[in-house]
Amino acid sequence: MAYTIDLSGRVAFVTGASSGLGAQFAKTLAAAGAGVVLAARRVDRLKALRAEIEAEGGVAHVVALDVTDHDSIKAAVAHAETEMGSIDILVNNSGVGNTGKLTDVTPDDYDFVMGTNTKGAFFMAQEVAKRMIARSKGVAPGTYTGGRIVNVASMAGLRVFPQIGVYCMSKAAVVHMTGLGRSTIYRLMAEHKFPSPVRLAKRAVAWRRIDLEHWSAGRPTVSH
């Protein structure tokens, strides 16, 4: 039996939407009726994806986003809500990785992965969650008082792969970040006596090279 869902009237924000899993998430959400915000650094690819979604009758909006820049996160979310309305679904998908022995990892290598996969995911979820919670309290505009945040983790966050050690560390942090987020929301529910406005979930995906042609600062990367 086919699984169907109607997301008409909902707004979904997908980070890392320029390729791979992010692009697929965006197309699936659009096909289910959601208005989709396509966010990433590679805006040219986002525009091509928007055209593809619109050709299938979907609705999409493009916004430039660098999740390693906190100001970029805040600006992208604010712009998305101005153009599309309150965000109901966040797919926290941006992710990068590099290969090599832990003894060869440089500070730049480390910051490159952790800044995107862990710090970026945390502050992206925080910015959207604060807005969802404010709506549930009636102190921010929006008629829908629920919300969904999906943090894309990896099987590499649950087991060790020696050649991608920093990536494993970053995704393990995402797994625990999701659990901590749930605990915070449950505490808010108890303190303020309102129904849960936000549901957090993690999705572990198999590690694989998705975008071989994408390189950053001369480092071979994994992007999803």
N, C-alpha and C. Protein backbone atom coordinates (compact mmCIF):
# COMPACT_ATOMS: atom_id res chain seq x y z
N MET A 1 0.84 -1.19 0.00
CA MET A 1 0.00 0.00 0.00
C MET A 1 0.88 1.24 0.00
N ALA A 2 0.63 2.17 -0.91
CA ALA A 2 1.43 3.38 -1.03
C ALA A 2 1.16 4.30 0.16
N TYR A 3 2.22 4.97 0.62
CA TYR A 3 2.10 5.91 1.72
C TYR A 3 1.90 7.31 1.15
N THR A 4 0.86 7.99 1.58
CA THR A 4 0.60 9.34 1.10
C THR A 4 0.40 10.27 2.28
N ILE A 5 0.72 11.54 2.07
CA ILE A 5 0.52 12.54 3.11
C ILE A 5 0.18 13.86 2.43
N ASP A 6 -0.71 14.61 3.04
CA ASP A 6 -1.12 15.90 2.48
C ASP A 6 -0.51 17.01 3.32
N LEU A 7 0.41 17.76 2.72
CA LEU A 7 1.06 18.88 3.41
C LEU A 7 0.63 20.23 2.83
N SER A 8 -0.53 20.23 2.22
CA SER A 8 -1.05 21.48 1.64
C SER A 8 -1.15 22.55 2.72
N GLY A 9 -0.68 23.75 2.40
CA GLY A 9 -0.74 24.85 3.34
C GLY A 9 0.42 24.91 4.31
N ARG A 10 1.29 23.92 4.29
CA ARG A 10 2.45 23.89 5.18
C ARG A 10 3.68 24.44 4.45
N VAL A 11 4.61 24.98 5.22
CA VAL A 11 5.87 25.49 4.68
C VAL A 11 7.01 24.64 5.23
N ALA A 12 7.83 24.11 4.33
CA ALA A 12 8.97 23.28 4.72
C ALA A 12 10.26 23.97 4.29
N PHE A 13 11.21 24.02 5.20
CA PHE A 13 12.52 24.64 4.95
C PHE A 13 13.55 23.51 4.90
N VAL A 14 14.24 23.37 3.78
CA VAL A 14 15.21 22.29 3.60
C VAL A 14 16.60 22.88 3.42
N THR A 15 17.52 22.58 4.35
CA THR A 15 18.89 23.04 4.19
C THR A 15 19.69 22.03 3.36
N GLY A 16 20.73 22.51 2.72
CA GLY A 16 21.51 21.62 1.87
C GLY A 16 20.69 21.08 0.72
N ALA A 17 19.79 21.91 0.18
CA ALA A 17 18.85 21.44 -0.83
C ALA A 17 19.41 21.45 -2.24
N SER A 18 20.66 21.86 -2.41
CA SER A 18 21.19 22.02 -3.76
C SER A 18 21.53 20.71 -4.45
N SER A 19 21.62 19.60 -3.70
CA SER A 19 21.96 18.33 -4.32
C SER A 19 21.63 17.17 -3.38
N GLY A 20 21.80 15.96 -3.89
CA GLY A 20 21.71 14.77 -3.05
C GLY A 20 20.40 14.62 -2.29
N LEU A 21 20.55 14.23 -1.03
CA LEU A 21 19.38 13.99 -0.19
C LEU A 21 18.52 15.23 -0.03
N GLY A 22 19.15 16.39 0.12
CA GLY A 22 18.39 17.62 0.31
C GLY A 22 17.46 17.90 -0.85
N ALA A 23 17.95 17.73 -2.07
CA ALA A 23 17.12 17.94 -3.26
C ALA A 23 15.96 16.94 -3.29
N GLN A 24 16.25 15.70 -2.91
CA GLN A 24 15.20 14.68 -2.91
C GLN A 24 14.15 14.97 -1.84
N PHE A 25 14.60 15.39 -0.65
CA PHE A 25 13.64 15.77 0.40
C PHE A 25 12.73 16.89 -0.10
N ALA A 26 13.34 17.88 -0.74
CA ALA A 26 12.57 19.03 -1.21
C ALA A 26 11.52 18.62 -2.23
N LYS A 27 11.91 17.77 -3.18
CA LYS A 27 10.95 17.33 -4.20
C LYS A 27 9.82 16.51 -3.59
N THR A 28 10.14 15.68 -2.62
CA THR A 28 9.13 14.85 -1.97
C THR A 28 8.14 15.71 -1.19
N LEU A 29 8.64 16.69 -0.47
CA LEU A 29 7.76 17.59 0.30
C LEU A 29 6.88 18.42 -0.63
N ALA A 30 7.46 18.89 -1.73
CA ALA A 30 6.67 19.67 -2.69
C ALA A 30 5.58 18.82 -3.32
N ALA A 31 5.91 17.56 -3.63
CA ALA A 31 4.93 16.66 -4.22
C ALA A 31 3.78 16.38 -3.27
N ALA A 32 4.06 16.49 -1.95
CA ALA A 32 3.01 16.28 -0.95
C ALA A 32 2.19 17.54 -0.69
N GLY A 33 2.54 18.64 -1.37
CA GLY A 33 1.73 19.84 -1.27
C GLY A 33 2.33 20.97 -0.46
N ALA A 34 3.49 20.76 0.14
CA ALA A 34 4.11 21.82 0.94
C ALA A 34 4.75 22.86 0.04
N GLY A 35 4.73 24.11 0.51
CA GLY A 35 5.56 25.13 -0.10
C GLY A 35 6.96 24.93 0.45
N VAL A 36 7.96 24.82 -0.41
CA VAL A 36 9.30 24.43 0.03
C VAL A 36 10.28 25.58 -0.13
N VAL A 37 11.01 25.85 0.95
CA VAL A 37 12.10 26.81 0.91
C VAL A 37 13.38 26.03 0.65
N LEU A 38 14.04 26.33 -0.45
CA LEU A 38 15.27 25.65 -0.85
C LEU A 38 16.44 26.49 -0.38
N ALA A 39 17.25 25.96 0.52
CA ALA A 39 18.32 26.74 1.12
C ALA A 39 19.67 26.04 0.98
N ALA A 40 20.67 26.78 0.56
CA ALA A 40 22.04 26.26 0.42
C ALA A 40 22.92 27.40 -0.03
N ARG A 41 24.22 27.11 -0.18
CA ARG A 41 25.15 28.12 -0.67
C ARG A 41 25.12 28.20 -2.20
N ARG A 42 24.88 27.08 -2.87
CA ARG A 42 24.95 27.04 -4.33
C ARG A 42 23.59 27.42 -4.92
N VAL A 43 23.37 28.73 -5.02
CA VAL A 43 22.07 29.26 -5.42
C VAL A 43 21.71 28.87 -6.84
N ASP A 44 22.69 28.75 -7.72
CA ASP A 44 22.39 28.37 -9.11
C ASP A 44 21.72 27.01 -9.17
N ARG A 45 22.19 26.08 -8.34
CA ARG A 45 21.56 24.75 -8.31
C ARG A 45 20.17 24.82 -7.69
N LEU A 46 20.00 25.67 -6.71
CA LEU A 46 18.67 25.82 -6.10
C LEU A 46 17.67 26.34 -7.13
N LYS A 47 18.09 27.26 -7.96
CA LYS A 47 17.19 27.82 -8.98
C LYS A 47 16.78 26.74 -9.98
N ALA A 48 17.73 25.87 -10.32
CA ALA A 48 17.40 24.77 -11.23
C ALA A 48 16.41 23.81 -10.59
N LEU A 49 16.58 23.54 -9.29
CA LEU A 49 15.66 22.66 -8.57
C LEU A 49 14.29 23.31 -8.45
N ARG A 50 14.27 24.61 -8.20
CA ARG A 50 12.98 25.32 -8.14
C ARG A 50 12.22 25.18 -9.45
N ALA A 51 12.91 25.34 -10.56
CA ALA A 51 12.27 25.20 -11.87
C ALA A 51 11.70 23.80 -12.05
N GLU A 52 12.43 22.80 -11.59
CA GLU A 52 11.97 21.41 -11.68
C GLU A 52 10.71 21.19 -10.84
N ILE A 53 10.70 21.73 -9.63
CA ILE A 53 9.54 21.59 -8.75
C ILE A 53 8.34 22.32 -9.32
N GLU A 54 8.56 23.53 -9.82
CA GLU A 54 7.45 24.31 -10.38
C GLU A 54 6.90 23.66 -11.64
N ALA A 55 7.75 22.99 -12.41
CA ALA A 55 7.28 22.30 -13.62
C ALA A 55 6.35 21.15 -13.27
N GLU A 56 6.48 20.63 -12.04
CA GLU A 56 5.60 19.55 -11.57
C GLU A 56 4.40 20.09 -10.80
N GLY A 57 4.22 21.41 -10.80
CA GLY A 57 3.07 22.01 -10.14
C GLY A 57 3.30 22.38 -8.69
N GLY A 58 4.54 22.28 -8.22
CA GLY A 58 4.85 22.60 -6.83
C GLY A 58 5.22 24.06 -6.64
N VAL A 59 5.41 24.41 -5.38
CA VAL A 59 5.77 25.79 -5.01
C VAL A 59 7.09 25.75 -4.27
N ALA A 60 8.03 26.58 -4.73
CA ALA A 60 9.35 26.60 -4.09
C ALA A 60 9.90 28.01 -4.10
N HIS A 61 10.71 28.31 -3.09
CA HIS A 61 11.38 29.61 -2.99
C HIS A 61 12.85 29.36 -2.67
N VAL A 62 13.72 30.14 -3.26
CA VAL A 62 15.16 29.98 -3.09
C VAL A 62 15.70 31.01 -2.12
N VAL A 63 16.56 30.57 -1.20
CA VAL A 63 17.22 31.49 -0.29
C VAL A 63 18.67 31.03 -0.09
N ALA A 64 19.59 31.98 -0.14
CA ALA A 64 20.99 31.66 0.10
C ALA A 64 21.21 31.42 1.59
N LEU A 65 21.97 30.38 1.91
CA LEU A 65 22.21 30.03 3.31
C LEU A 65 23.58 29.41 3.48
N ASP A 66 24.33 29.93 4.44
CA ASP A 66 25.57 29.31 4.88
C ASP A 66 25.38 28.99 6.35
N VAL A 67 25.21 27.72 6.68
CA VAL A 67 24.88 27.36 8.06
C VAL A 67 26.05 27.56 9.02
N THR A 68 27.24 27.82 8.49
CA THR A 68 28.38 28.10 9.37
C THR A 68 28.41 29.57 9.81
N ASP A 69 27.50 30.37 9.27
CA ASP A 69 27.42 31.80 9.59
C ASP A 69 26.09 32.07 10.29
N HIS A 70 26.16 32.42 11.59
CA HIS A 70 24.94 32.60 12.37
C HIS A 70 24.05 33.70 11.80
N ASP A 71 24.67 34.79 11.33
CA ASP A 71 23.88 35.86 10.73
C ASP A 71 23.16 35.38 9.48
N SER A 72 23.80 34.51 8.71
CA SER A 72 23.17 33.96 7.50
C SER A 72 21.96 33.11 7.88
N ILE A 73 22.07 32.34 8.95
CA ILE A 73 20.94 31.53 9.41
C ILE A 73 19.75 32.41 9.77
N LYS A 74 20.00 33.42 10.58
CA LYS A 74 18.91 34.29 11.02
C LYS A 74 18.27 35.03 9.84
N ALA A 75 19.11 35.50 8.93
CA ALA A 75 18.59 36.23 7.77
C ALA A 75 17.79 35.31 6.85
N ALA A 76 18.27 34.09 6.63
CA ALA A 76 17.58 33.16 5.74
C ALA A 76 16.22 32.77 6.29
N VAL A 77 16.15 32.49 7.59
CA VAL A 77 14.87 32.11 8.21
C VAL A 77 13.89 33.28 8.17
N ALA A 78 14.37 34.46 8.50
CA ALA A 78 13.49 35.64 8.48
C ALA A 78 12.98 35.90 7.06
N HIS A 79 13.86 35.80 6.08
CA HIS A 79 13.46 36.03 4.69
C HIS A 79 12.45 34.98 4.24
N ALA A 80 12.70 33.73 4.60
CA ALA A 80 11.79 32.65 4.20
C ALA A 80 10.40 32.88 4.77
N GLU A 81 10.32 33.29 6.03
CA GLU A 81 9.00 33.49 6.64
C GLU A 81 8.31 34.72 6.06
N THR A 82 9.07 35.72 5.64
CA THR A 82 8.47 36.88 4.99
C THR A 82 7.87 36.51 3.64
N GLU A 83 8.58 35.67 2.90
CA GLU A 83 8.15 35.31 1.55
C GLU A 83 7.14 34.17 1.51
N MET A 84 7.25 33.21 2.42
CA MET A 84 6.45 31.99 2.33
C MET A 84 5.50 31.78 3.50
N GLY A 85 5.72 32.51 4.60
CA GLY A 85 4.91 32.30 5.80
C GLY A 85 5.69 31.50 6.84
N SER A 86 5.06 31.27 7.97
CA SER A 86 5.71 30.59 9.09
C SER A 86 6.19 29.20 8.69
N ILE A 87 7.38 28.85 9.16
CA ILE A 87 7.95 27.54 8.84
C ILE A 87 7.33 26.48 9.74
N ASP A 88 6.76 25.46 9.11
CA ASP A 88 6.12 24.36 9.84
C ASP A 88 7.02 23.13 9.94
N ILE A 89 7.92 22.98 8.97
CA ILE A 89 8.79 21.81 8.91
C ILE A 89 10.21 22.27 8.60
N LEU A 90 11.16 21.83 9.38
CA LEU A 90 12.58 22.05 9.06
C LEU A 90 13.24 20.71 8.81
N VAL A 91 13.86 20.56 7.65
CA VAL A 91 14.70 19.40 7.39
C VAL A 91 16.15 19.90 7.47
N ASN A 92 16.79 19.58 8.58
CA ASN A 92 18.14 20.05 8.89
C ASN A 92 19.14 19.10 8.24
N ASN A 93 19.40 19.34 6.97
CA ASN A 93 20.10 18.36 6.15
C ASN A 93 21.53 18.73 5.78
N SER A 94 21.91 20.00 5.87
CA SER A 94 23.25 20.42 5.43
C SER A 94 24.33 19.56 6.07
N GLY A 95 25.24 19.07 5.27
CA GLY A 95 26.30 18.25 5.83
C GLY A 95 27.47 18.11 4.88
N VAL A 96 28.66 18.07 5.44
CA VAL A 96 29.88 17.88 4.66
C VAL A 96 30.78 16.90 5.39
N GLY A 97 31.81 16.44 4.72
CA GLY A 97 32.76 15.56 5.37
C GLY A 97 34.06 15.53 4.61
N ASN A 98 35.12 15.02 5.23
CA ASN A 98 36.35 14.80 4.51
C ASN A 98 36.96 13.48 4.96
N THR A 99 37.83 12.96 4.17
CA THR A 99 38.42 11.65 4.45
C THR A 99 39.88 11.81 4.87
N GLY A 100 40.35 10.85 5.63
CA GLY A 100 41.75 10.86 6.04
C GLY A 100 41.91 10.36 7.46
N LYS A 101 43.15 10.08 7.82
CA LYS A 101 43.45 9.60 9.16
C LYS A 101 43.28 10.73 10.18
N LEU A 102 42.86 10.37 11.40
CA LEU A 102 42.71 11.37 12.44
C LEU A 102 44.03 12.09 12.71
N THR A 103 45.14 11.39 12.56
CA THR A 103 46.44 12.02 12.80
C THR A 103 46.79 13.05 11.73
N ASP A 104 46.04 13.06 10.62
CA ASP A 104 46.30 14.03 9.55
C ASP A 104 45.31 15.19 9.54
N VAL A 105 44.30 15.14 10.42
CA VAL A 105 43.28 16.19 10.43
C VAL A 105 43.88 17.51 10.92
N THR A 106 43.62 18.58 10.17
CA THR A 106 44.09 19.91 10.55
C THR A 106 42.97 20.66 11.26
N PRO A 107 43.29 21.75 11.95
CA PRO A 107 42.22 22.56 12.56
C PRO A 107 41.19 23.03 11.53
N ASP A 108 41.64 23.38 10.34
CA ASP A 108 40.70 23.80 9.30
C ASP A 108 39.78 22.66 8.88
N ASP A 109 40.35 21.45 8.74
CA ASP A 109 39.54 20.29 8.41
C ASP A 109 38.45 20.07 9.47
N TYR A 110 38.88 20.14 10.73
CA TYR A 110 37.97 19.90 11.85
C TYR A 110 36.84 20.94 11.87
N ASP A 111 37.22 22.21 11.75
CA ASP A 111 36.22 23.28 11.78
C ASP A 111 35.27 23.19 10.59
N PHE A 112 35.79 22.77 9.44
CA PHE A 112 34.99 22.63 8.23
C PHE A 112 33.82 21.66 8.45
N VAL A 113 34.11 20.53 9.07
CA VAL A 113 33.08 19.51 9.28
C VAL A 113 32.19 19.85 10.48
N MET A 114 32.80 20.14 11.61
CA MET A 114 32.02 20.40 12.81
C MET A 114 31.20 21.68 12.68
N GLY A 115 31.75 22.67 11.99
CA GLY A 115 31.03 23.93 11.82
C GLY A 115 29.74 23.78 11.04
N THR A 116 29.77 22.90 10.05
CA THR A 116 28.57 22.66 9.24
C THR A 116 27.64 21.64 9.90
N ASN A 117 28.18 20.49 10.20
CA ASN A 117 27.34 19.36 10.61
C ASN A 117 26.77 19.49 12.02
N THR A 118 27.54 20.10 12.92
CA THR A 118 27.11 20.16 14.32
C THR A 118 26.67 21.58 14.71
N LYS A 119 27.59 22.53 14.63
CA LYS A 119 27.25 23.90 15.00
C LYS A 119 26.14 24.45 14.10
N GLY A 120 26.28 24.25 12.80
CA GLY A 120 25.27 24.76 11.87
C GLY A 120 23.91 24.14 12.11
N ALA A 121 23.89 22.82 12.30
CA ALA A 121 22.61 22.14 12.55
C ALA A 121 21.98 22.62 13.85
N PHE A 122 22.80 22.82 14.88
CA PHE A 122 22.27 23.27 16.17
C PHE A 122 21.61 24.63 16.06
N PHE A 123 22.32 25.60 15.49
CA PHE A 123 21.77 26.96 15.46
C PHE A 123 20.64 27.11 14.43
N MET A 124 20.64 26.26 13.41
CA MET A 124 19.50 26.25 12.49
C MET A 124 18.26 25.76 13.21
N ALA A 125 18.38 24.65 13.92
CA ALA A 125 17.25 24.12 14.67
C ALA A 125 16.80 25.09 15.75
N GLN A 126 17.74 25.72 16.42
CA GLN A 126 17.40 26.67 17.47
C GLN A 126 16.59 27.84 16.93
N GLU A 127 17.03 28.41 15.80
CA GLU A 127 16.34 29.58 15.24
C GLU A 127 14.90 29.24 14.85
N VAL A 128 14.71 28.09 14.22
CA VAL A 128 13.36 27.70 13.80
C VAL A 128 12.51 27.29 15.00
N ALA A 129 13.09 26.55 15.94
CA ALA A 129 12.34 26.09 17.11
C ALA A 129 11.84 27.26 17.94
N LYS A 130 12.66 28.30 18.10
CA LYS A 130 12.22 29.47 18.88
C LYS A 130 10.98 30.10 18.25
N ARG A 131 10.93 30.15 16.95
CA ARG A 131 9.77 30.72 16.25
C ARG A 131 8.55 29.81 16.39
N MET A 132 8.76 28.51 16.31
CA MET A 132 7.64 27.57 16.48
C MET A 132 7.06 27.67 17.89
N ILE A 133 7.93 27.74 18.88
CA ILE A 133 7.48 27.83 20.27
C ILE A 133 6.75 29.14 20.51
N ALA A 134 7.26 30.25 19.93
CA ALA A 134 6.60 31.55 20.09
C ALA A 134 5.20 31.51 19.51
N ARG A 135 5.02 30.84 18.37
CA ARG A 135 3.68 30.72 17.79
C ARG A 135 2.76 29.94 18.70
N SER A 136 3.28 28.89 19.32
CA SER A 136 2.44 28.07 20.19
C SER A 136 1.97 28.84 21.41
N LYS A 137 2.76 29.86 21.81
CA LYS A 137 2.39 30.69 22.96
C LYS A 137 1.52 31.88 22.55
N GLY A 138 1.32 32.03 21.24
CA GLY A 138 0.50 33.13 20.76
C GLY A 138 1.21 34.47 20.73
N VAL A 139 2.55 34.46 20.79
CA VAL A 139 3.30 35.72 20.79
C VAL A 139 3.99 35.96 19.45
N ALA A 140 3.68 35.14 18.46
CA ALA A 140 4.20 35.32 17.11
C ALA A 140 3.09 34.95 16.14
N PRO A 141 3.08 35.59 14.96
CA PRO A 141 2.01 35.30 13.99
C PRO A 141 2.06 33.88 13.47
N GLY A 142 0.90 33.40 13.06
CA GLY A 142 0.81 32.05 12.51
C GLY A 142 -0.35 31.30 13.14
N THR A 143 -1.11 30.60 12.32
CA THR A 143 -2.28 29.89 12.83
C THR A 143 -1.97 28.45 13.21
N TYR A 144 -0.91 27.90 12.63
CA TYR A 144 -0.54 26.51 12.93
C TYR A 144 0.45 26.51 14.10
N THR A 145 0.09 25.85 15.19
CA THR A 145 0.90 25.93 16.40
C THR A 145 1.74 24.68 16.62
N GLY A 146 1.86 23.84 15.62
CA GLY A 146 2.72 22.68 15.73
C GLY A 146 4.01 22.91 14.96
N GLY A 147 4.78 21.88 14.79
CA GLY A 147 6.01 22.00 14.02
C GLY A 147 6.78 20.70 14.03
N ARG A 148 7.60 20.50 13.03
CA ARG A 148 8.43 19.31 12.92
C ARG A 148 9.84 19.72 12.54
N ILE A 149 10.80 19.22 13.29
CA ILE A 149 12.21 19.42 12.95
C ILE A 149 12.85 18.05 12.76
N VAL A 150 13.38 17.83 11.57
CA VAL A 150 14.05 16.56 11.27
C VAL A 150 15.54 16.84 11.12
N ASN A 151 16.34 16.29 12.01
CA ASN A 151 17.79 16.42 11.94
C ASN A 151 18.35 15.19 11.22
N VAL A 152 19.01 15.41 10.11
CA VAL A 152 19.54 14.29 9.34
C VAL A 152 20.89 13.89 9.91
N ALA A 153 20.93 12.73 10.51
CA ALA A 153 22.17 12.20 11.10
C ALA A 153 22.78 11.21 10.11
N SER A 154 23.40 10.17 10.61
CA SER A 154 24.05 9.19 9.74
C SER A 154 24.34 7.93 10.53
N MET A 155 24.41 6.83 9.84
CA MET A 155 24.88 5.61 10.50
C MET A 155 26.29 5.81 11.04
N ALA A 156 27.02 6.76 10.45
CA ALA A 156 28.37 7.06 10.93
C ALA A 156 28.35 7.72 12.30
N GLY A 157 27.18 8.18 12.73
CA GLY A 157 27.06 8.72 14.08
C GLY A 157 26.78 7.64 15.11
N LEU A 158 26.56 6.43 14.63
CA LEU A 158 26.24 5.31 15.51
C LEU A 158 27.34 4.25 15.54
N ARG A 159 28.27 4.33 14.59
CA ARG A 159 29.39 3.41 14.58
C ARG A 159 30.60 4.13 14.00
N VAL A 160 31.77 3.55 14.18
CA VAL A 160 33.01 4.22 13.80
C VAL A 160 33.49 3.77 12.42
N PHE A 161 33.80 4.73 11.59
CA PHE A 161 34.44 4.49 10.30
C PHE A 161 35.78 5.24 10.33
N PRO A 162 36.90 4.55 10.43
CA PRO A 162 38.18 5.21 10.69
C PRO A 162 38.56 6.31 9.71
N GLN A 163 38.21 6.18 8.45
CA GLN A 163 38.65 7.18 7.47
C GLN A 163 37.81 8.46 7.49
N ILE A 164 36.73 8.46 8.23
CA ILE A 164 35.89 9.67 8.32
C ILE A 164 35.59 9.96 9.79
N GLY A 165 36.64 9.93 10.60
CA GLY A 165 36.46 10.05 12.04
C GLY A 165 35.78 11.32 12.49
N VAL A 166 36.16 12.47 11.94
CA VAL A 166 35.55 13.73 12.37
C VAL A 166 34.08 13.78 11.95
N TYR A 167 33.79 13.26 10.78
CA TYR A 167 32.39 13.17 10.33
C TYR A 167 31.58 12.33 11.30
N CYS A 168 32.12 11.18 11.73
CA CYS A 168 31.43 10.33 12.71
C CYS A 168 31.14 11.11 13.99
N MET A 169 32.12 11.85 14.47
CA MET A 169 31.96 12.65 15.68
C MET A 169 30.85 13.68 15.50
N SER A 170 30.85 14.33 14.34
CA SER A 170 29.85 15.39 14.10
C SER A 170 28.44 14.83 14.08
N LYS A 171 28.26 13.66 13.48
CA LYS A 171 26.92 13.10 13.37
C LYS A 171 26.47 12.45 14.69
N ALA A 172 27.42 11.95 15.49
CA ALA A 172 27.06 11.48 16.83
C ALA A 172 26.52 12.64 17.65
N ALA A 173 27.12 13.81 17.48
CA ALA A 173 26.64 15.01 18.18
C ALA A 173 25.22 15.36 17.75
N VAL A 174 24.92 15.19 16.46
CA VAL A 174 23.56 15.48 15.98
C VAL A 174 22.54 14.54 16.62
N VAL A 175 22.92 13.27 16.77
CA VAL A 175 22.02 12.30 17.42
C VAL A 175 21.70 12.76 18.83
N HIS A 176 22.72 13.15 19.60
CA HIS A 176 22.49 13.57 20.98
C HIS A 176 21.81 14.93 21.05
N MET A 177 22.11 15.81 20.11
CA MET A 177 21.44 17.11 20.05
C MET A 177 19.93 16.94 19.92
N THR A 178 19.53 15.99 19.11
CA THR A 178 18.10 15.74 18.91
C THR A 178 17.44 15.26 20.20
N GLY A 179 18.11 14.38 20.92
CA GLY A 179 17.58 13.91 22.19
C GLY A 179 17.48 15.03 23.22
N LEU A 180 18.50 15.89 23.27
CA LEU A 180 18.47 17.02 24.20
C LEU A 180 17.36 18.00 23.83
N GLY A 181 17.14 18.19 22.53
CA GLY A 181 16.07 19.07 22.10
C GLY A 181 14.71 18.57 22.56
N ARG A 182 14.50 17.27 22.47
CA ARG A 182 13.24 16.70 22.95
C ARG A 182 13.07 16.98 24.44
N SER A 183 14.12 16.79 25.22
CA SER A 183 14.05 17.01 26.67
C SER A 183 13.68 18.45 26.98
N THR A 184 14.26 19.40 26.25
CA THR A 184 13.96 20.82 26.46
C THR A 184 12.50 21.12 26.17
N ILE A 185 11.98 20.55 25.09
CA ILE A 185 10.58 20.80 24.73
C ILE A 185 9.64 20.21 25.78
N TYR A 186 9.93 19.01 26.26
CA TYR A 186 9.09 18.41 27.29
C TYR A 186 9.07 19.27 28.55
N ARG A 187 10.23 19.86 28.90
CA ARG A 187 10.29 20.72 30.07
C ARG A 187 9.45 21.99 29.86
N LEU A 188 9.52 22.55 28.67
CA LEU A 188 8.71 23.74 28.37
C LEU A 188 7.22 23.42 28.45
N MET A 189 6.85 22.25 27.97
CA MET A 189 5.45 21.84 28.06
C MET A 189 4.98 21.82 29.51
N ALA A 190 5.81 21.28 30.39
CA ALA A 190 5.44 21.17 31.80
C ALA A 190 5.38 22.53 32.47
N GLU A 191 6.34 23.41 32.13
CA GLU A 191 6.42 24.72 32.78
C GLU A 191 5.30 25.64 32.34
N HIS A 192 4.97 25.59 31.06
CA HIS A 192 4.02 26.56 30.51
C HIS A 192 2.65 25.96 30.21
N LYS A 193 2.52 24.64 30.41
CA LYS A 193 1.23 23.96 30.27
C LYS A 193 0.61 24.18 28.88
N PHE A 194 1.42 23.98 27.84
CA PHE A 194 0.85 24.01 26.50
C PHE A 194 1.24 22.75 25.77
N PRO A 195 0.42 22.35 24.79
CA PRO A 195 0.72 21.14 24.04
C PRO A 195 2.06 21.27 23.32
N SER A 196 2.70 20.15 23.06
CA SER A 196 3.99 20.16 22.39
C SER A 196 3.90 20.85 21.04
N PRO A 197 4.60 21.99 20.86
CA PRO A 197 4.54 22.68 19.59
C PRO A 197 5.49 22.12 18.56
N VAL A 198 6.49 21.41 19.02
CA VAL A 198 7.56 20.98 18.13
C VAL A 198 7.86 19.51 18.36
N ARG A 199 7.98 18.77 17.30
CA ARG A 199 8.45 17.39 17.40
C ARG A 199 9.79 17.30 16.69
N LEU A 200 10.75 16.68 17.36
CA LEU A 200 12.07 16.51 16.77
C LEU A 200 12.29 15.05 16.44
N ALA A 201 12.95 14.84 15.33
CA ALA A 201 13.26 13.47 14.92
C ALA A 201 14.64 13.46 14.29
N LYS A 202 15.30 12.35 14.38
CA LYS A 202 16.56 12.20 13.65
C LYS A 202 16.38 11.09 12.62
N ARG A 203 17.06 11.25 11.54
CA ARG A 203 17.04 10.23 10.49
C ARG A 203 18.48 9.85 10.20
N ALA A 204 18.84 8.61 10.44
CA ALA A 204 20.19 8.15 10.16
C ALA A 204 20.25 7.62 8.74
N VAL A 205 21.18 8.11 7.98
CA VAL A 205 21.31 7.68 6.59
C VAL A 205 22.68 7.05 6.39
N ALA A 206 22.77 6.18 5.43
CA ALA A 206 24.04 5.52 5.14
C ALA A 206 25.03 6.55 4.61
N TRP A 207 26.27 6.47 5.09
CA TRP A 207 27.30 7.37 4.60
C TRP A 207 27.71 6.94 3.21
N ARG A 208 27.75 7.91 2.31
CA ARG A 208 28.24 7.61 0.97
C ARG A 208 28.60 8.90 0.27
N ARG A 209 29.44 8.80 -0.73
CA ARG A 209 29.77 9.99 -1.51
C ARG A 209 28.59 10.29 -2.44
N ILE A 210 28.03 11.45 -2.27
CA ILE A 210 26.88 11.82 -3.07
C ILE A 210 27.25 12.84 -4.14
N ASP A 211 28.23 13.67 -3.85
CA ASP A 211 28.53 14.77 -4.75
C ASP A 211 30.03 14.86 -4.95
N LEU A 212 30.57 13.98 -5.77
CA LEU A 212 32.02 13.86 -5.91
C LEU A 212 32.67 15.11 -6.50
N GLU A 213 31.90 15.85 -7.30
CA GLU A 213 32.53 16.98 -7.96
C GLU A 213 32.62 18.21 -7.06
N HIS A 214 32.00 18.15 -5.88
CA HIS A 214 32.02 19.31 -4.99
C HIS A 214 33.24 19.26 -4.09
N TRP A 215 34.13 20.23 -4.26
CA TRP A 215 35.35 20.31 -3.45
C TRP A 215 35.35 21.63 -2.71
N SER A 216 35.97 21.65 -1.56
CA SER A 216 36.05 22.89 -0.81
C SER A 216 37.46 23.05 -0.27
N ALA A 217 38.08 24.18 -0.57
CA ALA A 217 39.44 24.50 -0.11
C ALA A 217 40.42 23.38 -0.43
N GLY A 218 40.22 22.71 -1.57
CA GLY A 218 41.14 21.67 -1.97
C GLY A 218 40.94 20.35 -1.28
N ARG A 219 39.88 20.21 -0.46
CA ARG A 219 39.66 18.97 0.27
C ARG A 219 38.57 18.16 -0.41
N PRO A 220 38.77 16.86 -0.62
CA PRO A 220 37.68 16.01 -1.12
C PRO A 220 36.60 15.94 -0.05
N THR A 221 35.37 16.18 -0.44
CA THR A 221 34.30 16.27 0.55
C THR A 221 33.16 15.33 0.27
N VAL A 222 32.42 15.05 1.29
CA VAL A 222 31.14 14.35 1.18
C VAL A 222 30.07 15.37 1.47
N SER A 223 29.08 15.49 0.63
CA SER A 223 28.03 16.48 0.83
C SER A 223 26.68 15.80 0.76
N HIS A 224 25.79 16.15 1.70
CA HIS A 224 24.42 15.63 1.62
C HIS A 224 23.44 16.70 2.02
